[in-house]
Amino acid sequence: MILAAVLALTWLARRLNWNEPVTLVAGGCLVGLTPDFHGFRLPPDVVLLLFLPPLLYWESLGTSLREVRRNVRGIVLLATGLVLATATAVAAVGHALGLSWSLAFVLGAVVAPTDATAVAAVARGLPRRIRTVLHTESLINDGTALALYAVLVGVAAEGRVFTWHGVTLRLLLAYGGGIAIGAVCAAAAVALRVRMRDRAVVSTLGVLTPFATYLPAQAAGASGVLAVVTCGLVISQAGPRLGSAGIRVQTTGFWEVSTFILNSALFVLVGIQTPALVTASGAGTLGHRITTAAVVSAVVIATRLIWLYSVPYLIRALDRRPVQRTLRYGARRRFPLAWSGVRGAVSLAAALAVPTTKDDGGPLAGHGLVVFTAVAVILVTLVLQGATMPAVVRWAGLRDDPGERAEERRAHRQIATAALEALPHHADLLGTPPHSADAVRRELRQYAARDQDTGTVAGRDVRAELELRRALVAVERRALVRLRDRRSIDDAVLHRLQSVLDSEEVRIDLSMSALPERRERARGTGTAGGPDAPGGAGDL
């Protein structure tokens, strides 16, 4: 039923050019009104364990570490400072509207983080820098908010004494422990991957990696979110030196389909639960609930706007370095960044995980209001901000980053040049006939001039040309990785061009498998490796 709803709603949204997250949530609400799903609630642990690790892992694999380094100060301020500011502002308003201070702060922690899935959906079409900041902020701020949430729930339900000292220690443990565990798990995954050649085994390892990282971190009291993000970032740097084209094509296809299903299903599930949560009893009068939800939603949106139109200008006054001036955005171009604070499933899971009773057995007054308000904030930000984001981007005059395309064209030329320089050596090594080497040379020159693949190699000795072309694909891949390591290109460009090279290598392997076997082996070491030989860029 859920998958059918995902398929139908996604098709409808794309057919009518509607906002996909909004369409999925709205469709989920309609499903939630049916008798079969009346009162349906997804256990919070399912969201935090089943959905969150793989989604964060896949998103972090595609994150540009170079762009993260360039914008690390802004990202850290958004992922920590803005989370704390939002939680505090919401707590003040929540207390004024009748919640206890402890539960008001819980509500603040629940609605403070942006949602990686929702942000990824609304950030399409934004320039690379803004997209990277939003993307990385949403990956990291979950860890900040959930660590703060764990402390505050203990205060509200267990009667612990709240101290900023305790919160600070908890955040340090969450960040330090999460990063350390993530790095260790990434190193272990890479070490295992080096020893594996079977596609099914490698794919299984890739599926298990985010869960094997998240669970130990959570068990140790660290942030499972930060552990998974760290693991993904480390593997994204090591991956291009591992694996084969066939493995990468297979695993990339798997992750694209599975994350699409998980992302879409998550939006539908949020919608399905909404009717029951909105009509739940014990959350006060309807008027009071609506007032609280409206005010808190406004505070959440306003806090982000105020932060992004005050803190950066304070930093400008303190940091006058010329290099920082090149990174500045004007007020109008900054607005899409300030308008992208969309909340999602993590906030819902955290709200549903708030205990209904205290440790002494008494009811936790205000629990229903916290859940109702969290659902309202999710819906308001998704509908209001998510649906209007395309218009905001047009108004701000933002377009795709031309520098990213320029990097891609430059990388095209440089890897083709590297292949041309290596061609004589590999032609001699493989015993390629001169006319076949000339055919490949012409193809590479055309490839470098046009910045695009020129198609299947044709010639009298097809196998010789294919063997040589396959060896040169490996040269191009190594040149591409060197460009990334020197920070001449970012990871997004690497992944796109790597995909082109992988497709070319798979095509060559298929073409070679259809040819009759040679009766005599070429002199030298033979081909550059089989379909599953190491030497490519493997995203685990």
Protein backbone atom coordinates (compact mmCIF):
# COMPACT_ATOMS: atom_id res chain seq x y z
CA MET A 1 0.00 0.00 0.00
CA ILE A 2 2.77 2.43 0.96
CA LEU A 3 4.81 1.65 -2.15
CA ALA A 4 1.73 1.99 -4.34
CA ALA A 5 1.05 5.40 -2.80
CA VAL A 6 4.68 6.42 -3.35
CA LEU A 7 4.55 5.40 -7.00
CA ALA A 8 1.20 7.07 -7.73
CA LEU A 9 1.96 10.30 -5.87
CA THR A 10 5.45 10.68 -7.34
CA TRP A 11 4.10 10.14 -10.85
CA LEU A 12 1.34 12.68 -10.21
CA ALA A 13 3.75 15.28 -8.82
CA ARG A 14 6.13 14.95 -11.75
CA ARG A 15 3.34 14.83 -14.28
CA LEU A 16 1.75 18.04 -12.97
CA ASN A 17 5.04 19.66 -11.91
CA TRP A 18 3.96 19.82 -8.27
CA ASN A 19 6.29 19.93 -5.29
CA GLU A 20 7.06 16.28 -4.55
CA PRO A 21 7.42 16.37 -0.73
CA VAL A 22 4.21 18.37 -0.36
CA THR A 23 2.36 16.02 -2.72
CA LEU A 24 3.61 12.94 -0.87
CA VAL A 25 2.65 14.32 2.55
CA ALA A 26 -0.76 15.46 1.31
CA GLY A 27 -1.39 12.08 -0.28
CA GLY A 28 -0.29 10.40 2.93
CA CYS A 29 -2.82 12.48 4.86
CA LEU A 30 -5.58 11.19 2.60
CA VAL A 31 -4.40 7.62 3.14
CA GLY A 32 -4.34 8.27 6.88
CA LEU A 33 -8.04 9.16 6.81
CA THR A 34 -8.98 5.68 5.55
CA PRO A 35 -10.21 3.13 8.11
CA ASP A 36 -7.26 0.80 7.54
CA PHE A 37 -4.79 3.45 8.66
CA HIS A 38 -6.86 5.17 11.33
CA GLY A 39 -4.67 5.76 14.36
CA PHE A 40 -1.55 4.45 12.59
CA ARG A 41 1.72 5.43 14.24
CA LEU A 42 5.20 4.53 13.10
CA PRO A 43 7.42 3.62 16.08
CA PRO A 44 10.07 6.36 16.48
CA ASP A 45 12.86 3.79 16.61
CA VAL A 46 11.92 2.62 13.11
CA VAL A 47 12.57 6.09 11.70
CA LEU A 48 15.79 6.58 13.63
CA LEU A 49 17.16 3.10 12.89
CA LEU A 50 15.65 1.91 9.62
CA PHE A 51 15.38 5.13 7.62
CA LEU A 52 17.94 7.56 9.00
CA PRO A 53 21.28 5.67 8.70
CA PRO A 54 21.04 4.67 5.02
CA LEU A 55 19.68 8.05 3.95
CA LEU A 56 22.39 9.98 5.79
CA TYR A 57 25.06 7.61 4.50
CA TRP A 58 24.06 7.99 0.87
CA GLU A 59 23.76 11.76 1.18
CA SER A 60 27.19 12.04 2.82
CA LEU A 61 28.79 9.92 0.07
CA GLY A 62 27.76 12.59 -2.43
CA THR A 63 28.82 15.56 -0.31
CA SER A 64 31.70 17.66 -1.59
CA LEU A 65 34.36 17.69 1.12
CA ARG A 66 36.16 20.54 -0.64
CA GLU A 67 33.08 22.75 -0.46
CA VAL A 68 32.51 21.71 3.16
CA ARG A 69 36.04 22.87 4.02
CA ARG A 70 35.47 26.19 2.28
CA ASN A 71 32.26 26.84 4.20
CA VAL A 72 33.01 25.02 7.44
CA ARG A 73 32.53 28.05 9.69
CA GLY A 74 29.07 28.83 8.37
CA ILE A 75 28.05 25.17 8.46
CA VAL A 76 29.16 24.71 12.07
CA LEU A 77 27.38 27.88 13.16
CA LEU A 78 24.16 26.75 11.50
CA ALA A 79 24.40 23.16 12.75
CA THR A 80 25.14 24.12 16.36
CA GLY A 81 24.50 27.79 17.09
CA LEU A 82 21.27 28.04 15.13
CA VAL A 83 19.98 24.78 16.63
CA LEU A 84 20.58 26.10 20.15
CA ALA A 85 19.10 29.49 19.28
CA THR A 86 15.98 27.91 17.78
CA ALA A 87 15.52 25.56 20.73
CA THR A 88 15.83 28.47 23.17
CA ALA A 89 13.45 30.74 21.25
CA VAL A 90 10.84 27.98 20.93
CA ALA A 91 11.22 27.11 24.61
CA ALA A 92 10.55 30.71 25.63
CA VAL A 93 7.42 30.86 23.49
CA GLY A 94 6.27 27.39 24.56
CA HIS A 95 6.60 28.28 28.22
CA ALA A 96 4.66 31.50 27.67
CA LEU A 97 1.89 29.42 26.08
CA GLY A 98 1.57 27.05 29.02
CA LEU A 99 4.25 24.36 28.78
CA SER A 100 6.64 23.71 31.64
CA TRP A 101 10.17 24.93 31.04
CA SER A 102 11.50 21.39 30.74
CA LEU A 103 8.90 20.30 28.18
CA ALA A 104 9.16 23.62 26.34
CA PHE A 105 12.87 22.99 25.84
CA VAL A 106 12.07 19.46 24.66
CA LEU A 107 9.76 20.98 22.06
CA GLY A 108 12.55 23.35 21.05
CA ALA A 109 14.99 20.47 20.55
CA VAL A 110 12.37 18.54 18.56
CA VAL A 111 11.73 21.27 15.99
CA ALA A 112 15.24 22.76 15.90
CA PRO A 113 16.93 20.57 13.24
CA THR A 114 16.25 20.81 9.54
CA ASP A 115 15.59 17.53 7.74
CA ALA A 116 18.19 16.19 5.31
CA THR A 117 15.61 14.50 3.10
CA ALA A 118 13.31 17.50 2.91
CA VAL A 119 16.17 19.96 2.40
CA ALA A 120 17.61 17.85 -0.43
CA ALA A 121 14.22 17.97 -2.13
CA VAL A 122 13.84 21.75 -1.91
CA ALA A 123 17.50 22.65 -2.59
CA ARG A 124 17.54 21.41 -6.18
CA GLY A 125 18.53 24.11 -8.60
CA LEU A 126 20.42 26.16 -6.03
CA PRO A 127 24.07 27.12 -6.61
CA ARG A 128 26.65 24.63 -5.42
CA ARG A 129 27.80 26.61 -2.40
CA ILE A 130 24.31 27.16 -0.96
CA ARG A 131 23.37 23.58 -1.76
CA THR A 132 26.45 22.28 0.07
CA VAL A 133 25.83 24.47 3.12
CA LEU A 134 22.18 23.42 3.38
CA HIS A 135 22.98 19.80 2.73
CA THR A 136 25.79 19.52 5.28
CA GLU A 137 23.93 21.57 7.88
CA SER A 138 20.97 19.20 7.68
CA LEU A 139 23.26 16.19 8.04
CA ILE A 140 25.01 17.53 11.14
CA ASN A 141 22.31 19.42 13.01
CA ASP A 142 20.37 16.21 13.67
CA GLY A 143 23.25 15.12 15.88
CA THR A 144 23.22 18.41 17.79
CA ALA A 145 19.47 18.41 18.28
CA LEU A 146 19.20 14.74 19.26
CA ALA A 147 22.00 15.10 21.82
CA LEU A 148 20.26 18.13 23.31
CA TYR A 149 16.95 16.28 23.14
CA ALA A 150 18.32 13.32 25.14
CA VAL A 151 19.38 15.62 27.98
CA LEU A 152 16.11 17.56 28.01
CA VAL A 153 13.89 14.47 27.97
CA GLY A 154 15.79 13.26 31.01
CA VAL A 155 15.03 16.56 32.73
CA ALA A 156 11.33 16.48 31.81
CA ALA A 157 10.55 12.81 32.42
CA GLU A 158 13.13 11.70 34.95
CA GLY A 159 13.44 14.83 37.04
CA ARG A 160 17.13 15.38 36.36
CA VAL A 161 18.63 18.77 37.08
CA PHE A 162 19.31 20.80 33.95
CA THR A 163 22.76 22.36 33.73
CA TRP A 164 24.57 23.89 30.79
CA HIS A 165 27.63 22.00 31.98
CA GLY A 166 25.79 18.72 31.44
CA VAL A 167 24.53 19.81 28.03
CA THR A 168 28.04 20.83 26.97
CA LEU A 169 29.51 17.50 28.03
CA ARG A 170 26.74 15.67 26.21
CA LEU A 171 27.37 17.62 23.01
CA LEU A 172 31.12 17.04 23.25
CA LEU A 173 30.52 13.31 23.67
CA ALA A 174 28.05 13.29 20.80
CA TYR A 175 30.39 15.12 18.44
CA GLY A 176 33.73 13.66 19.51
CA GLY A 177 32.47 10.12 19.96
CA GLY A 178 30.41 10.18 16.78
CA ILE A 179 33.29 11.45 14.65
CA ALA A 180 35.75 8.96 16.17
CA ILE A 181 33.46 5.96 15.78
CA GLY A 182 32.54 7.00 12.25
CA ALA A 183 36.20 7.26 11.25
CA VAL A 184 37.01 3.85 12.76
CA CYS A 185 34.06 2.20 11.02
CA ALA A 186 35.03 3.81 7.72
CA ALA A 187 38.59 2.51 8.06
CA ALA A 188 37.25 -0.97 8.79
CA ALA A 189 34.89 -0.83 5.80
CA VAL A 190 37.69 0.27 3.47
CA ALA A 191 40.00 -2.47 4.80
CA LEU A 192 37.31 -5.08 4.15
CA ARG A 193 36.49 -3.64 0.75
CA VAL A 194 40.10 -3.92 -0.41
CA ARG A 195 39.92 -7.68 0.11
CA MET A 196 36.60 -8.22 -1.67
CA ARG A 197 35.96 -8.86 -5.35
CA ASP A 198 32.48 -10.39 -5.46
CA ARG A 199 29.80 -7.88 -6.45
CA ALA A 200 27.11 -9.31 -4.21
CA VAL A 201 29.41 -9.32 -1.18
CA VAL A 202 30.57 -5.75 -1.83
CA SER A 203 26.99 -4.54 -2.24
CA THR A 204 25.99 -6.25 1.01
CA LEU A 205 28.88 -4.58 2.81
CA GLY A 206 27.70 -1.22 1.50
CA VAL A 207 24.20 -1.83 2.84
CA LEU A 208 25.46 -2.91 6.27
CA THR A 209 27.98 -0.09 6.70
CA PRO A 210 25.59 2.69 7.84
CA PHE A 211 23.83 0.40 10.32
CA ALA A 212 27.10 -1.04 11.63
CA THR A 213 28.24 2.55 12.23
CA TYR A 214 25.04 3.97 13.70
CA LEU A 215 24.34 1.26 16.29
CA PRO A 216 27.75 1.21 18.07
CA ALA A 217 27.76 5.00 18.25
CA GLN A 218 24.30 5.09 19.81
CA ALA A 219 25.23 2.31 22.23
CA ALA A 220 28.30 4.28 23.32
CA GLY A 221 26.24 7.39 24.01
CA ALA A 222 27.69 9.22 21.01
CA SER A 223 25.83 10.59 18.01
CA GLY A 224 24.92 7.88 15.55
CA VAL A 225 24.03 10.60 13.05
CA LEU A 226 27.49 12.16 13.13
CA ALA A 227 29.11 8.72 13.06
CA VAL A 228 27.27 7.80 9.85
CA VAL A 229 28.00 11.17 8.24
CA THR A 230 31.70 10.93 9.14
CA CYS A 231 31.85 7.37 7.83
CA GLY A 232 30.27 8.40 4.55
CA LEU A 233 32.59 11.39 4.09
CA VAL A 234 35.70 9.29 4.76
CA ILE A 235 34.60 6.53 2.41
CA SER A 236 33.75 9.07 -0.29
CA GLN A 237 37.41 10.10 -0.26
CA ALA A 238 38.82 6.57 -0.22
CA GLY A 239 36.22 5.07 -2.55
CA PRO A 240 37.61 6.28 -5.90
CA ARG A 241 40.68 4.10 -5.36
CA LEU A 242 38.68 0.94 -4.75
CA GLY A 243 36.37 -1.35 -6.64
CA SER A 244 35.51 -1.72 -10.28
CA ALA A 245 33.17 -0.10 -12.75
CA GLY A 246 30.76 -3.03 -12.69
CA ILE A 247 30.49 -2.94 -8.90
CA ARG A 248 30.00 0.82 -8.87
CA VAL A 249 27.30 0.78 -11.51
CA GLN A 250 25.46 -1.95 -9.62
CA THR A 251 25.73 -0.37 -6.17
CA THR A 252 24.92 3.13 -7.41
CA GLY A 253 21.76 1.85 -9.06
CA PHE A 254 20.78 0.03 -5.89
CA TRP A 255 21.33 3.06 -3.67
CA GLU A 256 19.48 5.41 -6.01
CA VAL A 257 16.40 3.18 -6.07
CA SER A 258 16.45 2.31 -2.37
CA THR A 259 16.97 5.88 -1.17
CA PHE A 260 14.22 7.08 -3.50
CA ILE A 261 11.85 4.55 -1.94
CA LEU A 262 12.94 5.39 1.62
CA ASN A 263 12.74 9.15 1.05
CA SER A 264 9.33 9.02 -0.57
CA ALA A 265 7.93 6.49 1.89
CA LEU A 266 9.06 8.68 4.76
CA PHE A 267 7.08 11.65 3.46
CA VAL A 268 4.02 9.44 2.92
CA LEU A 269 4.33 7.99 6.43
CA VAL A 270 4.53 11.48 7.91
CA GLY A 271 1.29 12.29 6.11
CA ILE A 272 -0.43 9.05 7.17
CA GLN A 273 0.24 9.76 10.84
CA THR A 274 -0.81 13.40 10.67
CA PRO A 275 -4.63 13.01 10.94
CA ALA A 276 -4.42 10.83 14.04
CA LEU A 277 -1.83 13.06 15.71
CA VAL A 278 -3.75 16.25 14.96
CA THR A 279 -6.99 14.87 16.40
CA ALA A 280 -5.35 13.21 19.40
CA SER A 281 -6.95 14.03 22.72
CA GLY A 282 -5.20 15.38 25.76
CA ALA A 283 -3.45 18.24 24.01
CA GLY A 284 -5.70 21.05 25.24
CA THR A 285 -8.45 22.89 23.44
CA LEU A 286 -8.32 23.05 19.66
CA GLY A 287 -7.94 26.82 19.71
CA HIS A 288 -5.00 26.65 22.09
CA ARG A 289 -3.33 23.93 20.06
CA ILE A 290 -3.69 25.87 16.82
CA THR A 291 -2.43 29.07 18.44
CA THR A 292 0.60 27.31 19.90
CA ALA A 293 1.38 25.58 16.61
CA ALA A 294 1.06 28.81 14.61
CA VAL A 295 3.23 30.83 16.99
CA VAL A 296 5.93 28.15 17.26
CA SER A 297 6.00 27.73 13.47
CA ALA A 298 6.44 31.47 13.06
CA VAL A 299 9.22 31.50 15.67
CA VAL A 300 11.05 28.62 13.95
CA ILE A 301 10.97 30.40 10.59
CA ALA A 302 11.75 33.83 12.07
CA THR A 303 14.71 32.58 14.12
CA ARG A 304 16.42 31.26 11.01
CA LEU A 305 15.75 34.48 9.13
CA ILE A 306 17.09 36.61 11.99
CA TRP A 307 20.15 34.39 12.37
CA LEU A 308 21.08 34.50 8.69
CA TYR A 309 20.56 38.25 8.50
CA SER A 310 22.55 39.05 11.64
CA VAL A 311 25.32 36.55 12.42
CA PRO A 312 26.97 36.67 8.95
CA TYR A 313 27.12 40.45 9.11
CA LEU A 314 28.70 40.27 12.56
CA ILE A 315 31.29 37.87 11.16
CA ARG A 316 31.94 40.27 8.28
CA ALA A 317 32.72 43.02 10.78
CA LEU A 318 35.18 40.76 12.60
CA ASP A 319 36.78 38.98 9.65
CA ARG A 320 37.95 41.44 7.00
CA ARG A 321 40.21 39.04 5.08
CA PRO A 322 39.96 39.46 1.29
CA VAL A 323 39.37 35.73 0.82
CA GLN A 324 36.22 35.96 2.92
CA ARG A 325 34.85 38.77 0.80
CA THR A 326 34.69 36.45 -2.20
CA LEU A 327 32.37 34.13 -0.25
CA ARG A 328 29.81 36.76 0.68
CA TYR A 329 26.23 36.84 -0.55
CA GLY A 330 24.03 39.91 -0.71
CA ALA A 331 20.78 40.13 1.22
CA ARG A 332 18.62 39.06 -1.71
CA ARG A 333 20.76 36.09 -2.71
CA ARG A 334 20.96 35.01 0.92
CA PHE A 335 17.20 34.69 1.27
CA PRO A 336 16.86 31.17 -0.23
CA LEU A 337 19.35 29.94 2.37
CA ALA A 338 17.27 31.54 5.12
CA TRP A 339 14.04 30.16 3.63
CA SER A 340 15.22 26.54 3.45
CA GLY A 341 14.67 25.50 7.06
CA VAL A 342 12.33 22.61 6.26
CA ARG A 343 11.56 20.12 9.04
CA GLY A 344 10.74 16.47 8.54
CA ALA A 345 10.75 12.92 9.83
CA VAL A 346 13.49 13.33 12.45
CA SER A 347 11.41 15.96 14.25
CA LEU A 348 8.36 13.72 14.07
CA ALA A 349 10.26 10.71 15.40
CA ALA A 350 11.68 12.75 18.27
CA ALA A 351 8.22 14.11 19.15
CA LEU A 352 6.68 10.64 19.17
CA ALA A 353 9.53 9.36 21.36
CA VAL A 354 8.75 11.84 24.15
CA PRO A 355 7.47 9.76 27.10
CA THR A 356 3.82 10.12 28.05
CA THR A 357 4.54 9.57 31.75
CA LYS A 358 7.21 10.53 34.23
CA ASP A 359 9.41 8.03 36.01
CA ASP A 360 7.19 8.28 39.09
CA GLY A 361 4.20 7.09 37.02
CA GLY A 362 2.47 10.45 36.75
CA PRO A 363 1.40 11.84 33.37
CA LEU A 364 3.75 14.16 31.53
CA ALA A 365 1.50 17.18 31.11
CA GLY A 366 1.76 18.76 27.69
CA HIS A 367 2.94 15.68 25.78
CA GLY A 368 0.05 15.88 23.32
CA LEU A 369 0.69 19.56 22.69
CA VAL A 370 4.36 18.85 21.89
CA VAL A 371 3.40 16.20 19.32
CA PHE A 372 0.67 18.37 17.78
CA THR A 373 2.99 21.37 17.50
CA ALA A 374 5.82 19.33 16.00
CA VAL A 375 3.49 17.96 13.31
CA ALA A 376 2.25 21.46 12.58
CA VAL A 377 5.78 22.84 12.22
CA ILE A 378 6.66 20.03 9.80
CA LEU A 379 3.57 20.69 7.69
CA VAL A 380 3.96 24.48 7.72
CA THR A 381 7.63 24.41 6.71
CA LEU A 382 7.07 21.74 4.06
CA VAL A 383 4.07 23.44 2.49
CA LEU A 384 4.96 27.10 2.97
CA GLN A 385 8.71 26.98 2.44
CA GLY A 386 9.00 23.87 0.30
CA ALA A 387 6.26 24.83 -2.14
CA THR A 388 7.45 28.42 -2.52
CA MET A 389 11.16 27.66 -2.86
CA PRO A 390 11.21 27.64 -6.71
CA ALA A 391 9.65 31.11 -6.75
CA VAL A 392 12.10 32.30 -4.08
CA VAL A 393 15.06 31.02 -6.12
CA ARG A 394 13.80 32.83 -9.22
CA TRP A 395 13.23 36.04 -7.25
CA ALA A 396 16.74 35.87 -5.80
CA GLY A 397 18.21 35.45 -9.28
CA LEU A 398 20.09 32.29 -8.36
CA ARG A 399 21.13 29.82 -11.02
CA ASP A 400 23.23 26.70 -11.22
CA ASP A 401 26.86 27.41 -10.44
CA PRO A 402 28.68 28.01 -13.77
CA GLY A 403 31.97 27.22 -12.04
CA GLU A 404 30.86 23.64 -11.51
CA ARG A 405 30.30 23.11 -15.24
CA ALA A 406 33.60 24.84 -15.99
CA GLU A 407 35.37 22.44 -13.62
CA GLU A 408 33.71 19.52 -15.36
CA ARG A 409 34.79 20.69 -18.82
CA ARG A 410 38.31 21.33 -17.59
CA ALA A 411 38.46 17.89 -16.00
CA HIS A 412 37.20 16.34 -19.27
CA ARG A 413 40.09 17.87 -21.15
CA GLN A 414 42.71 17.02 -18.55
CA ILE A 415 41.81 13.36 -18.17
CA ALA A 416 41.63 12.95 -21.96
CA THR A 417 45.06 14.58 -22.22
CA ALA A 418 46.40 12.19 -19.58
CA ALA A 419 45.04 9.26 -21.59
CA LEU A 420 46.64 10.56 -24.79
CA GLU A 421 50.00 10.89 -23.05
CA ALA A 422 49.74 7.34 -21.70
CA LEU A 423 48.52 5.84 -24.98
CA PRO A 424 51.95 4.96 -26.50
CA HIS A 425 53.03 3.14 -23.34
CA HIS A 426 49.85 1.08 -23.06
CA ALA A 427 49.72 0.41 -26.81
CA ASP A 428 53.22 -1.03 -26.60
CA LEU A 429 52.39 -2.95 -23.42
CA LEU A 430 49.31 -4.53 -24.98
CA GLY A 431 50.78 -5.06 -28.41
CA THR A 432 48.10 -2.91 -30.05
CA PRO A 433 48.43 -2.63 -33.85
CA PRO A 434 49.30 0.91 -35.03
CA HIS A 435 46.03 1.42 -36.91
CA SER A 436 44.04 0.47 -33.79
CA ALA A 437 46.10 2.82 -31.63
CA ASP A 438 45.49 5.60 -34.15
CA ALA A 439 41.73 4.96 -34.00
CA VAL A 440 41.73 5.26 -30.21
CA ARG A 441 43.92 8.37 -30.43
CA ARG A 442 41.43 10.02 -32.78
CA GLU A 443 38.59 9.14 -30.43
CA LEU A 444 40.38 10.64 -27.44
CA ARG A 445 41.19 13.84 -29.32
CA GLN A 446 37.59 14.18 -30.35
CA TYR A 447 36.54 13.43 -26.77
CA ALA A 448 38.84 16.16 -25.46
CA ALA A 449 37.63 18.66 -28.05
CA ARG A 450 33.91 18.01 -27.59
CA ASP A 451 33.88 17.19 -23.86
CA GLN A 452 31.71 14.17 -24.49
CA ASP A 453 31.96 10.48 -25.20
CA THR A 454 32.19 9.71 -28.91
CA GLY A 455 30.72 6.23 -28.85
CA THR A 456 31.90 2.78 -29.70
CA VAL A 457 35.38 2.35 -31.10
CA ALA A 458 35.37 0.97 -34.61
CA GLY A 459 38.30 -0.56 -36.44
CA ARG A 460 39.72 -3.63 -38.02
CA ASP A 461 41.12 -5.10 -34.80
CA VAL A 462 38.23 -4.39 -32.47
CA ARG A 463 39.59 -6.34 -29.52
CA ALA A 464 42.93 -4.53 -29.62
CA GLU A 465 41.20 -1.17 -29.65
CA LEU A 466 38.89 -2.15 -26.80
CA GLU A 467 41.78 -3.44 -24.69
CA LEU A 468 43.71 -0.24 -25.23
CA ARG A 469 40.68 1.92 -24.54
CA ARG A 470 40.02 0.03 -21.32
CA ALA A 471 43.58 0.59 -20.14
CA LEU A 472 43.24 4.28 -20.91
CA VAL A 473 39.96 4.51 -18.99
CA ALA A 474 41.95 3.47 -15.92
CA VAL A 475 44.47 6.23 -16.70
CA GLU A 476 41.65 8.77 -17.00
CA ARG A 477 40.18 7.62 -13.71
CA ARG A 478 43.48 8.03 -11.89
CA ALA A 479 43.89 11.50 -13.41
CA LEU A 480 40.38 12.38 -12.27
CA VAL A 481 41.10 11.31 -8.70
CA ARG A 482 44.31 13.36 -8.70
CA LEU A 483 42.32 16.43 -9.74
CA ARG A 484 39.96 15.86 -6.81
CA ASP A 485 42.83 15.28 -4.38
CA ARG A 486 44.45 18.54 -5.50
CA ARG A 487 41.05 20.24 -4.98
CA SER A 488 40.94 21.33 -8.61
CA ILE A 489 37.47 19.80 -8.81
CA ASP A 490 34.97 18.87 -6.14
CA ASP A 491 33.41 15.50 -5.39
CA ALA A 492 30.24 16.23 -7.34
CA VAL A 493 32.24 16.71 -10.54
CA LEU A 494 34.29 13.61 -9.77
CA HIS A 495 31.17 11.50 -9.32
CA ARG A 496 29.62 12.66 -12.59
CA LEU A 497 32.74 12.04 -14.66
CA GLN A 498 33.43 8.80 -12.82
CA SER A 499 29.97 7.66 -13.84
CA VAL A 500 30.81 8.42 -17.48
CA LEU A 501 34.04 6.43 -17.24
CA ASP A 502 32.29 3.56 -15.49
CA SER A 503 29.66 3.39 -18.21
CA GLU A 504 32.40 3.38 -20.83
CA GLU A 505 34.28 0.60 -19.05
CA VAL A 506 31.16 -1.53 -18.67
CA ARG A 507 30.38 -1.01 -22.36
CA ILE A 508 33.91 -2.08 -23.29
CA ASP A 509 33.67 -5.18 -21.09
CA LEU A 510 30.35 -6.16 -22.67
CA SER A 511 31.74 -5.59 -26.17
CA MET A 512 34.82 -7.66 -25.40
CA SER A 513 32.74 -10.50 -23.96
CA ALA A 514 30.83 -10.71 -27.26
CA LEU A 515 34.02 -11.10 -29.31
CA PRO A 516 35.63 -14.47 -30.05
CA GLU A 517 38.57 -15.33 -27.82
CA ARG A 518 42.04 -14.58 -29.13
CA ARG A 519 44.11 -17.56 -30.05
CA GLU A 520 47.33 -15.78 -29.15
CA ARG A 521 47.78 -13.52 -26.17
CA ALA A 522 49.18 -10.08 -26.75
CA ARG A 523 52.67 -9.55 -25.52
CA GLY A 524 53.02 -7.94 -22.14
CA THR A 525 50.62 -8.40 -19.28
CA GLY A 526 47.39 -8.52 -21.27
CA THR A 527 44.34 -6.44 -20.52
CA ALA A 528 44.09 -3.96 -17.72
CA GLY A 529 41.81 -6.20 -15.71
CA GLY A 530 38.45 -7.88 -15.77
CA PRO A 531 35.08 -6.44 -14.93
CA ASP A 532 35.65 -6.78 -11.20
CA ALA A 533 39.35 -5.95 -11.07
CA PRO A 534 40.42 -3.25 -8.62
CA GLY A 535 41.42 0.21 -9.73
CA GLY A 536 38.20 2.20 -10.01
CA ALA A 537 36.26 4.45 -7.75
CA GLY A 538 34.07 2.40 -5.49
CA ASP A 539 31.34 3.98 -3.43
CA LEU A 540 30.84 1.38 -0.76
